[in-house]
């Protein structure tokens, strides 16, 4: 199968699932979260193949909302793709991320965790995306101290300012 340009996200994930099954012989799985947005309306959809929730933050001094969307990992014989639809408001900020930063062990032996990561994300709401990114990475480095980084720190921050104007 191919990933045709006009195929749906779910059908693309099914093609990826078939490939992971073929390559790994069912021995390995991988998780994935896909986030699509209509830049004209702010409507979004999350597609989950066992991936972490997306977080959304609307305004300063508020908590980040976790948007869980359950699905099974790629490489699963009976793939279940989680889907969640929602709406962004002007000024909304979204983060899609891997488990690298939330799973950093702090000096006390506990992990940073999802709550602390959500708070870190929410605290960066007033910052421009490049500065918010630096603050998150610097905080992760602080918790890591001088220990080696043993997982990737992958995340994407998106600010939605409102509808694009069509020309």
N, C-alpha and C. Protein backbone atom coordinates (compact mmCIF):
# COMPACT_ATOMS: atom_id res chain seq x y z
N UNK A 1 0.84 -1.18 0.00
CA UNK A 1 0.00 0.00 0.00
C UNK A 1 0.87 1.24 0.00
N UNK A 2 0.32 2.31 -0.45
CA UNK A 2 1.06 3.56 -0.44
C UNK A 2 0.32 4.59 0.41
N UNK A 3 1.04 5.63 0.78
CA UNK A 3 0.44 6.71 1.54
C UNK A 3 -0.03 7.78 0.56
N UNK A 4 -1.15 7.53 -0.08
CA UNK A 4 -1.68 8.46 -1.08
C UNK A 4 -1.97 9.82 -0.44
N UNK A 5 -1.78 10.85 -1.21
CA UNK A 5 -1.97 12.21 -0.72
C UNK A 5 -3.38 12.45 -0.19
N UNK A 6 -4.37 11.85 -0.80
CA UNK A 6 -5.76 12.12 -0.41
C UNK A 6 -6.30 11.09 0.60
N UNK A 7 -5.46 10.23 1.13
CA UNK A 7 -5.94 9.25 2.10
C UNK A 7 -6.14 9.93 3.46
N UNK A 8 -6.98 9.32 4.29
CA UNK A 8 -7.24 9.88 5.61
C UNK A 8 -6.07 9.55 6.54
N UNK A 9 -5.99 10.27 7.64
CA UNK A 9 -4.93 10.01 8.61
C UNK A 9 -5.06 8.59 9.15
N UNK A 10 -6.28 8.14 9.42
CA UNK A 10 -6.47 6.79 9.93
C UNK A 10 -5.99 5.74 8.93
N UNK A 11 -6.26 5.95 7.65
CA UNK A 11 -5.80 4.97 6.66
C UNK A 11 -4.27 5.00 6.55
N UNK A 12 -3.67 6.16 6.72
CA UNK A 12 -2.21 6.25 6.72
C UNK A 12 -1.62 5.50 7.91
N UNK A 13 -2.26 5.63 9.07
CA UNK A 13 -1.79 4.91 10.25
C UNK A 13 -1.93 3.40 10.07
N UNK A 14 -2.97 2.98 9.37
CA UNK A 14 -3.14 1.54 9.11
C UNK A 14 -2.03 1.02 8.19
N UNK A 15 -1.63 1.83 7.21
CA UNK A 15 -0.52 1.43 6.34
C UNK A 15 0.76 1.33 7.17
N UNK A 16 1.00 2.29 8.05
CA UNK A 16 2.17 2.24 8.92
C UNK A 16 2.12 1.02 9.83
N UNK A 17 0.94 0.71 10.36
CA UNK A 17 0.79 -0.47 11.21
C UNK A 17 1.17 -1.74 10.45
N UNK A 18 0.70 -1.86 9.22
CA UNK A 18 1.03 -3.03 8.40
C UNK A 18 2.54 -3.14 8.19
N UNK A 19 3.19 -2.00 7.99
CA UNK A 19 4.64 -2.00 7.76
C UNK A 19 5.40 -2.40 9.03
N UNK A 20 4.97 -1.87 10.18
CA UNK A 20 5.63 -2.24 11.44
C UNK A 20 5.45 -3.73 11.69
N UNK A 21 4.27 -4.26 11.43
CA UNK A 21 4.03 -5.70 11.58
C UNK A 21 4.93 -6.50 10.64
N UNK A 22 5.02 -6.04 9.39
CA UNK A 22 5.82 -6.75 8.40
C UNK A 22 7.30 -6.77 8.77
N UNK A 23 7.82 -5.61 9.14
CA UNK A 23 9.24 -5.49 9.44
C UNK A 23 9.62 -6.19 10.75
N UNK A 24 8.76 -6.08 11.75
CA UNK A 24 9.12 -6.61 13.07
C UNK A 24 8.62 -8.03 13.31
N UNK A 25 7.79 -8.53 12.42
CA UNK A 25 7.23 -9.86 12.63
C UNK A 25 6.38 -9.94 13.89
N UNK A 26 5.82 -8.82 14.32
CA UNK A 26 4.98 -8.79 15.51
C UNK A 26 5.75 -8.71 16.82
N UNK A 27 7.09 -8.58 16.74
CA UNK A 27 7.90 -8.54 17.96
C UNK A 27 8.03 -7.14 18.55
N UNK A 28 7.82 -6.11 17.75
CA UNK A 28 8.00 -4.75 18.22
C UNK A 28 6.77 -3.92 17.92
N UNK A 29 6.58 -2.90 18.73
CA UNK A 29 5.50 -1.96 18.53
C UNK A 29 6.05 -0.55 18.69
N UNK A 30 5.32 0.42 18.18
CA UNK A 30 5.70 1.81 18.38
C UNK A 30 4.44 2.65 18.57
N UNK A 31 4.57 3.70 19.36
CA UNK A 31 3.43 4.57 19.61
C UNK A 31 3.55 5.83 18.77
N UNK A 32 2.40 6.42 18.49
CA UNK A 32 2.39 7.60 17.63
C UNK A 32 1.14 8.41 17.94
N UNK A 33 1.29 9.72 17.99
CA UNK A 33 0.17 10.64 18.09
C UNK A 33 0.27 11.61 16.92
N UNK A 34 -0.80 11.72 16.16
CA UNK A 34 -0.87 12.67 15.05
C UNK A 34 -1.89 13.75 15.40
N UNK A 35 -1.58 14.98 15.06
CA UNK A 35 -2.45 16.12 15.36
C UNK A 35 -2.67 16.87 14.06
N UNK A 36 -3.93 17.01 13.65
CA UNK A 36 -4.24 17.77 12.44
C UNK A 36 -5.11 18.97 12.83
N UNK A 37 -4.91 20.07 12.13
CA UNK A 37 -5.67 21.28 12.43
C UNK A 37 -6.12 21.95 11.14
N UNK A 38 -7.33 22.45 11.16
CA UNK A 38 -7.82 23.29 10.08
C UNK A 38 -7.44 24.72 10.46
N UNK A 39 -6.47 25.29 9.77
CA UNK A 39 -5.95 26.60 10.15
C UNK A 39 -6.94 27.73 9.91
N UNK A 40 -8.01 27.46 9.18
CA UNK A 40 -9.03 28.48 8.95
C UNK A 40 -10.07 28.52 10.06
N UNK A 41 -10.34 27.37 10.69
CA UNK A 41 -11.41 27.31 11.70
C UNK A 41 -10.90 27.01 13.11
N UNK A 42 -9.71 26.43 13.23
CA UNK A 42 -9.21 26.03 14.53
C UNK A 42 -9.70 24.65 14.97
N UNK A 43 -10.48 24.00 14.12
CA UNK A 43 -10.92 22.64 14.45
C UNK A 43 -9.72 21.71 14.33
N UNK A 44 -9.61 20.78 15.29
CA UNK A 44 -8.48 19.86 15.25
C UNK A 44 -8.97 18.44 15.48
N UNK A 45 -8.09 17.50 15.13
CA UNK A 45 -8.35 16.10 15.42
C UNK A 45 -7.04 15.45 15.85
N UNK A 46 -7.16 14.65 16.89
CA UNK A 46 -6.02 13.86 17.37
C UNK A 46 -6.27 12.43 16.92
N UNK A 47 -5.22 11.79 16.43
CA UNK A 47 -5.25 10.39 16.00
C UNK A 47 -4.18 9.69 16.82
N UNK A 48 -4.57 8.70 17.59
CA UNK A 48 -3.61 8.05 18.48
C UNK A 48 -3.45 6.57 18.17
N UNK A 49 -2.19 6.18 18.01
CA UNK A 49 -1.83 4.77 17.94
C UNK A 49 -0.99 4.50 19.19
N UNK A 50 -1.66 4.56 20.33
CA UNK A 50 -0.99 4.31 21.60
C UNK A 50 -0.14 5.45 22.10
N UNK A 51 -0.24 6.62 21.49
CA UNK A 51 0.61 7.75 21.85
C UNK A 51 0.13 8.48 23.09
N UNK A 52 0.97 9.40 23.54
CA UNK A 52 0.66 10.21 24.71
C UNK A 52 -0.44 11.22 24.38
N UNK A 53 -1.12 11.74 25.41
CA UNK A 53 -2.14 12.76 25.14
C UNK A 53 -1.50 14.05 24.64
N UNK A 54 -2.25 14.82 23.92
CA UNK A 54 -1.87 16.17 23.53
C UNK A 54 -2.28 17.07 24.69
N UNK A 55 -1.55 18.15 24.91
CA UNK A 55 -1.95 19.13 25.93
C UNK A 55 -2.32 20.43 25.25
N UNK A 56 -3.36 21.06 25.80
CA UNK A 56 -3.85 22.33 25.26
C UNK A 56 -3.90 23.33 26.41
N UNK A 57 -3.50 24.55 26.13
CA UNK A 57 -3.54 25.61 27.13
C UNK A 57 -4.20 26.82 26.50
N UNK A 58 -5.16 27.40 27.21
CA UNK A 58 -5.96 28.48 26.64
C UNK A 58 -5.56 29.88 27.11
N UNK A 59 -5.18 30.03 28.38
CA UNK A 59 -4.92 31.38 28.88
C UNK A 59 -3.96 31.36 30.05
N UNK A 60 -3.35 32.53 30.29
CA UNK A 60 -2.42 32.64 31.41
C UNK A 60 -3.12 32.32 32.72
N UNK A 61 -2.37 31.82 33.67
CA UNK A 61 -2.86 31.49 35.02
C UNK A 61 -3.89 30.37 35.03
N UNK A 62 -3.93 29.58 34.00
CA UNK A 62 -4.83 28.42 33.96
C UNK A 62 -3.99 27.16 33.80
N UNK A 63 -4.59 26.03 34.11
CA UNK A 63 -3.89 24.76 33.93
C UNK A 63 -3.98 24.32 32.48
N UNK A 64 -3.00 23.53 32.08
CA UNK A 64 -3.04 22.92 30.75
C UNK A 64 -4.02 21.75 30.81
N UNK A 65 -4.79 21.57 29.76
CA UNK A 65 -5.72 20.45 29.67
C UNK A 65 -5.09 19.31 28.90
N UNK A 66 -5.17 18.13 29.47
CA UNK A 66 -4.71 16.93 28.78
C UNK A 66 -5.85 16.43 27.91
N UNK A 67 -5.54 16.08 26.68
CA UNK A 67 -6.55 15.58 25.74
C UNK A 67 -6.23 14.13 25.41
N UNK A 68 -6.59 13.21 26.32
CA UNK A 68 -6.27 11.80 26.07
C UNK A 68 -7.09 11.23 24.93
N UNK A 69 -6.46 10.37 24.20
CA UNK A 69 -7.10 9.75 23.04
C UNK A 69 -6.50 8.35 22.92
N UNK A 70 -7.21 7.37 23.41
CA UNK A 70 -6.66 6.01 23.49
C UNK A 70 -6.67 5.30 22.15
N UNK A 71 -5.63 4.55 21.94
CA UNK A 71 -5.49 3.71 20.76
C UNK A 71 -4.45 2.65 21.07
N UNK A 72 -4.27 1.71 20.19
CA UNK A 72 -3.26 0.67 20.38
C UNK A 72 -2.02 1.02 19.57
N UNK A 73 -0.84 0.58 20.01
CA UNK A 73 0.39 0.92 19.30
C UNK A 73 0.44 0.31 17.89
N UNK A 74 1.21 0.96 17.03
CA UNK A 74 1.49 0.40 15.71
C UNK A 74 2.24 -0.91 15.90
N UNK A 75 1.96 -1.89 15.06
CA UNK A 75 2.55 -3.21 15.20
C UNK A 75 1.62 -4.17 15.92
N UNK A 76 0.38 -3.74 16.12
CA UNK A 76 -0.64 -4.53 16.79
C UNK A 76 -1.49 -5.23 15.73
N UNK A 77 -1.75 -6.50 15.93
CA UNK A 77 -2.56 -7.26 14.96
C UNK A 77 -3.92 -6.61 14.71
N UNK A 78 -4.59 -6.18 15.77
CA UNK A 78 -5.90 -5.54 15.63
C UNK A 78 -5.77 -4.08 16.08
N UNK A 79 -5.29 -3.25 15.17
CA UNK A 79 -5.04 -1.85 15.46
C UNK A 79 -6.35 -1.12 15.78
N UNK A 80 -6.33 -0.37 16.89
CA UNK A 80 -7.44 0.52 17.23
C UNK A 80 -6.86 1.93 17.25
N UNK A 81 -7.37 2.79 16.40
CA UNK A 81 -6.90 4.17 16.33
C UNK A 81 -7.86 5.04 17.12
N UNK A 82 -7.31 5.73 18.11
CA UNK A 82 -8.13 6.66 18.88
C UNK A 82 -8.29 7.95 18.11
N UNK A 83 -9.47 8.54 18.21
CA UNK A 83 -9.75 9.81 17.54
C UNK A 83 -10.45 10.74 18.51
N UNK A 84 -10.02 11.98 18.53
CA UNK A 84 -10.65 13.00 19.37
C UNK A 84 -10.67 14.29 18.58
N UNK A 85 -11.86 14.89 18.47
CA UNK A 85 -12.00 16.16 17.78
C UNK A 85 -12.20 17.27 18.80
N UNK A 86 -11.74 18.47 18.43
CA UNK A 86 -11.89 19.61 19.32
C UNK A 86 -11.76 20.92 18.56
N UNK A 87 -11.78 21.99 19.33
CA UNK A 87 -11.75 23.34 18.76
C UNK A 87 -10.71 24.17 19.51
N UNK A 88 -9.85 24.84 18.76
CA UNK A 88 -8.92 25.79 19.36
C UNK A 88 -9.56 27.17 19.30
N UNK A 89 -9.29 27.96 20.31
CA UNK A 89 -9.72 29.35 20.34
C UNK A 89 -8.51 30.23 20.05
N UNK A 90 -8.72 31.44 19.54
CA UNK A 90 -7.58 32.33 19.33
C UNK A 90 -6.77 32.44 20.63
N UNK A 91 -5.46 32.28 20.52
CA UNK A 91 -4.58 32.33 21.68
C UNK A 91 -4.29 30.96 22.29
N UNK A 92 -4.90 29.92 21.74
CA UNK A 92 -4.64 28.56 22.25
C UNK A 92 -3.22 28.13 21.94
N UNK A 93 -2.65 27.37 22.85
CA UNK A 93 -1.33 26.77 22.65
C UNK A 93 -1.48 25.27 22.85
N UNK A 94 -0.83 24.51 21.98
CA UNK A 94 -0.89 23.05 22.02
C UNK A 94 0.53 22.50 22.03
N UNK A 95 0.73 21.39 22.74
CA UNK A 95 2.01 20.70 22.70
C UNK A 95 1.76 19.22 22.45
N UNK A 96 2.47 18.69 21.47
CA UNK A 96 2.48 17.25 21.16
C UNK A 96 3.90 16.80 21.51
N UNK A 97 4.03 15.71 22.27
CA UNK A 97 5.34 15.37 22.83
C UNK A 97 5.51 13.87 23.01
N UNK A 98 6.77 13.48 23.16
CA UNK A 98 7.11 12.10 23.48
C UNK A 98 7.34 12.00 24.99
N UNK A 99 7.62 10.82 25.46
CA UNK A 99 7.75 10.59 26.90
C UNK A 99 9.11 10.95 27.48
N UNK A 100 10.03 11.44 26.68
CA UNK A 100 11.39 11.69 27.14
C UNK A 100 11.50 12.61 28.33
N UNK A 101 10.90 13.79 28.28
CA UNK A 101 11.00 14.73 29.40
C UNK A 101 10.16 14.27 30.59
N UNK A 102 8.89 13.90 30.41
CA UNK A 102 8.12 13.45 31.60
C UNK A 102 8.75 12.26 32.33
N UNK A 103 9.56 11.45 31.65
CA UNK A 103 10.14 10.27 32.29
C UNK A 103 11.56 10.49 32.82
N UNK A 104 12.02 11.74 32.85
CA UNK A 104 13.33 12.02 33.45
C UNK A 104 13.22 11.76 34.95
N UNK A 105 14.19 11.03 35.49
CA UNK A 105 14.27 10.82 36.93
C UNK A 105 14.89 12.04 37.58
N UNK A 106 14.18 12.58 38.58
CA UNK A 106 14.69 13.72 39.33
C UNK A 106 15.64 13.20 40.42
N UNK A 107 16.39 14.09 41.05
CA UNK A 107 17.32 13.66 42.10
C UNK A 107 16.66 12.86 43.23
N UNK A 108 15.36 13.12 43.51
CA UNK A 108 14.67 12.39 44.57
C UNK A 108 14.21 11.00 44.13
N UNK A 109 14.53 10.63 42.88
CA UNK A 109 14.16 9.31 42.38
C UNK A 109 12.81 9.26 41.69
N UNK A 110 12.00 10.29 41.84
CA UNK A 110 10.71 10.34 41.15
C UNK A 110 10.89 10.94 39.77
N UNK A 111 9.95 10.64 38.88
CA UNK A 111 10.02 11.20 37.53
C UNK A 111 9.40 12.59 37.50
N UNK A 112 9.79 13.38 36.50
CA UNK A 112 9.16 14.69 36.31
C UNK A 112 7.65 14.48 36.23
N UNK A 113 7.21 13.53 35.44
CA UNK A 113 5.80 13.19 35.39
C UNK A 113 4.96 14.13 34.54
N UNK A 114 3.75 13.69 34.27
CA UNK A 114 2.85 14.45 33.40
C UNK A 114 2.36 15.73 34.06
N UNK A 115 2.06 15.70 35.35
CA UNK A 115 1.55 16.91 36.02
C UNK A 115 2.59 18.02 36.01
N UNK A 116 3.81 17.68 36.35
CA UNK A 116 4.88 18.69 36.38
C UNK A 116 5.16 19.18 34.95
N UNK A 117 5.15 18.26 33.98
CA UNK A 117 5.36 18.66 32.59
C UNK A 117 4.23 19.59 32.13
N UNK A 118 2.98 19.28 32.49
CA UNK A 118 1.84 20.13 32.12
C UNK A 118 1.97 21.51 32.74
N UNK A 119 2.44 21.57 33.98
CA UNK A 119 2.64 22.85 34.65
C UNK A 119 3.74 23.66 33.97
N UNK A 120 4.81 22.99 33.60
CA UNK A 120 5.91 23.64 32.88
C UNK A 120 5.41 24.20 31.55
N UNK A 121 4.61 23.42 30.85
CA UNK A 121 4.02 23.87 29.58
C UNK A 121 3.12 25.08 29.81
N UNK A 122 2.24 25.01 30.80
CA UNK A 122 1.31 26.11 31.08
C UNK A 122 2.05 27.38 31.48
N UNK A 123 3.13 27.22 32.25
CA UNK A 123 3.90 28.38 32.70
C UNK A 123 4.57 29.12 31.54
N UNK A 124 4.71 28.46 30.39
CA UNK A 124 5.37 29.08 29.24
C UNK A 124 4.39 29.77 28.30
N UNK A 125 3.12 29.82 28.67
CA UNK A 125 2.08 30.32 27.75
C UNK A 125 2.34 31.74 27.25
N UNK A 126 2.82 32.60 28.11
CA UNK A 126 3.02 34.01 27.71
C UNK A 126 4.28 34.20 26.88
N UNK A 127 5.14 33.19 26.84
CA UNK A 127 6.40 33.30 26.10
C UNK A 127 6.20 32.96 24.63
N UNK A 128 6.99 33.60 23.78
CA UNK A 128 7.01 33.21 22.36
C UNK A 128 7.48 31.76 22.28
N UNK A 129 7.08 31.06 21.24
CA UNK A 129 7.39 29.63 21.12
C UNK A 129 8.88 29.33 21.25
N UNK A 130 9.79 30.09 20.61
CA UNK A 130 11.22 29.76 20.78
C UNK A 130 11.68 29.85 22.25
N UNK A 131 11.20 30.86 22.98
CA UNK A 131 11.57 31.00 24.39
C UNK A 131 10.92 29.90 25.22
N UNK A 132 9.67 29.58 24.96
CA UNK A 132 8.99 28.50 25.68
C UNK A 132 9.74 27.18 25.49
N UNK A 133 10.19 26.95 24.27
CA UNK A 133 10.95 25.73 23.97
C UNK A 133 12.23 25.69 24.78
N UNK A 134 12.97 26.81 24.79
CA UNK A 134 14.22 26.87 25.55
C UNK A 134 13.98 26.64 27.04
N UNK A 135 12.92 27.23 27.59
CA UNK A 135 12.62 27.07 29.02
C UNK A 135 12.33 25.61 29.36
N UNK A 136 11.56 24.93 28.52
CA UNK A 136 11.25 23.53 28.77
C UNK A 136 12.52 22.69 28.73
N UNK A 137 13.35 22.91 27.72
CA UNK A 137 14.60 22.15 27.60
C UNK A 137 15.54 22.48 28.77
N UNK A 138 15.66 23.74 29.14
CA UNK A 138 16.54 24.11 30.26
C UNK A 138 16.07 23.48 31.57
N UNK A 139 14.76 23.43 31.78
CA UNK A 139 14.24 22.79 32.99
C UNK A 139 14.53 21.30 32.98
N UNK A 140 14.37 20.67 31.82
CA UNK A 140 14.69 19.24 31.71
C UNK A 140 16.16 19.01 32.01
N UNK A 141 17.03 19.87 31.48
CA UNK A 141 18.47 19.74 31.74
C UNK A 141 18.78 19.92 33.22
N UNK A 142 18.07 20.83 33.88
CA UNK A 142 18.29 21.06 35.30
C UNK A 142 17.95 19.79 36.10
N UNK A 143 16.85 19.15 35.78
CA UNK A 143 16.47 17.92 36.48
C UNK A 143 17.41 16.77 36.14
N UNK A 144 17.92 16.77 34.94
CA UNK A 144 18.83 15.70 34.52
C UNK A 144 20.18 15.83 35.24
N UNK A 145 20.51 17.05 35.62
CA UNK A 145 21.81 17.36 36.24
C UNK A 145 22.92 16.94 35.29
N UNK A 146 23.91 16.24 35.77
CA UNK A 146 25.04 15.86 34.91
C UNK A 146 24.91 14.43 34.38
N UNK A 147 23.76 13.82 34.57
CA UNK A 147 23.58 12.46 34.09
C UNK A 147 23.36 12.48 32.57
N UNK A 148 23.69 11.39 31.89
CA UNK A 148 23.46 11.35 30.44
C UNK A 148 21.96 11.31 30.12
N UNK A 149 21.61 11.91 29.03
CA UNK A 149 20.22 11.88 28.53
C UNK A 149 20.01 10.53 27.87
N UNK A 150 19.07 9.73 28.39
CA UNK A 150 18.91 8.38 27.84
C UNK A 150 17.63 8.20 27.02
N UNK A 151 16.97 9.29 26.68
CA UNK A 151 15.79 9.21 25.81
C UNK A 151 15.70 10.52 25.04
N UNK A 152 14.97 10.49 23.92
CA UNK A 152 14.81 11.73 23.15
C UNK A 152 13.89 12.69 23.88
N UNK A 153 14.06 13.97 23.62
CA UNK A 153 13.18 15.02 24.12
C UNK A 153 12.53 15.67 22.91
N UNK A 154 11.47 15.08 22.44
CA UNK A 154 10.82 15.56 21.23
C UNK A 154 9.47 16.18 21.59
N UNK A 155 9.26 17.40 21.13
CA UNK A 155 7.95 18.04 21.31
C UNK A 155 7.78 19.14 20.27
N UNK A 156 6.52 19.43 19.98
CA UNK A 156 6.16 20.49 19.05
C UNK A 156 5.15 21.37 19.75
N UNK A 157 5.41 22.66 19.76
CA UNK A 157 4.47 23.63 20.34
C UNK A 157 3.83 24.40 19.19
N UNK A 158 2.51 24.55 19.27
CA UNK A 158 1.75 25.26 18.25
C UNK A 158 0.92 26.34 18.93
N UNK A 159 1.03 27.56 18.48
CA UNK A 159 0.15 28.65 18.90
C UNK A 159 -0.84 28.90 17.78
N UNK A 160 -2.11 28.97 18.12
CA UNK A 160 -3.12 29.30 17.12
C UNK A 160 -3.69 30.66 17.46
N UNK A 161 -3.46 31.64 16.57
CA UNK A 161 -3.86 33.02 16.82
C UNK A 161 -5.26 33.34 16.32
N UNK A 162 -5.82 32.46 15.54
CA UNK A 162 -7.14 32.70 14.98
C UNK A 162 -7.15 32.36 13.51
N UNK A 163 -8.31 32.52 12.90
CA UNK A 163 -8.44 32.11 11.49
C UNK A 163 -7.50 32.85 10.56
N UNK A 164 -6.95 32.09 9.62
CA UNK A 164 -6.18 32.71 8.54
C UNK A 164 -7.15 33.45 7.63
N UNK A 165 -6.68 34.48 7.02
CA UNK A 165 -7.52 35.16 6.05
C UNK A 165 -7.26 34.56 4.68
N UNK A 166 -8.31 34.31 3.98
CA UNK A 166 -8.18 33.75 2.62
C UNK A 166 -8.08 34.89 1.62
N UNK A 167 -7.19 34.71 0.66
CA UNK A 167 -7.02 35.76 -0.37
C UNK A 167 -7.74 35.34 -1.62
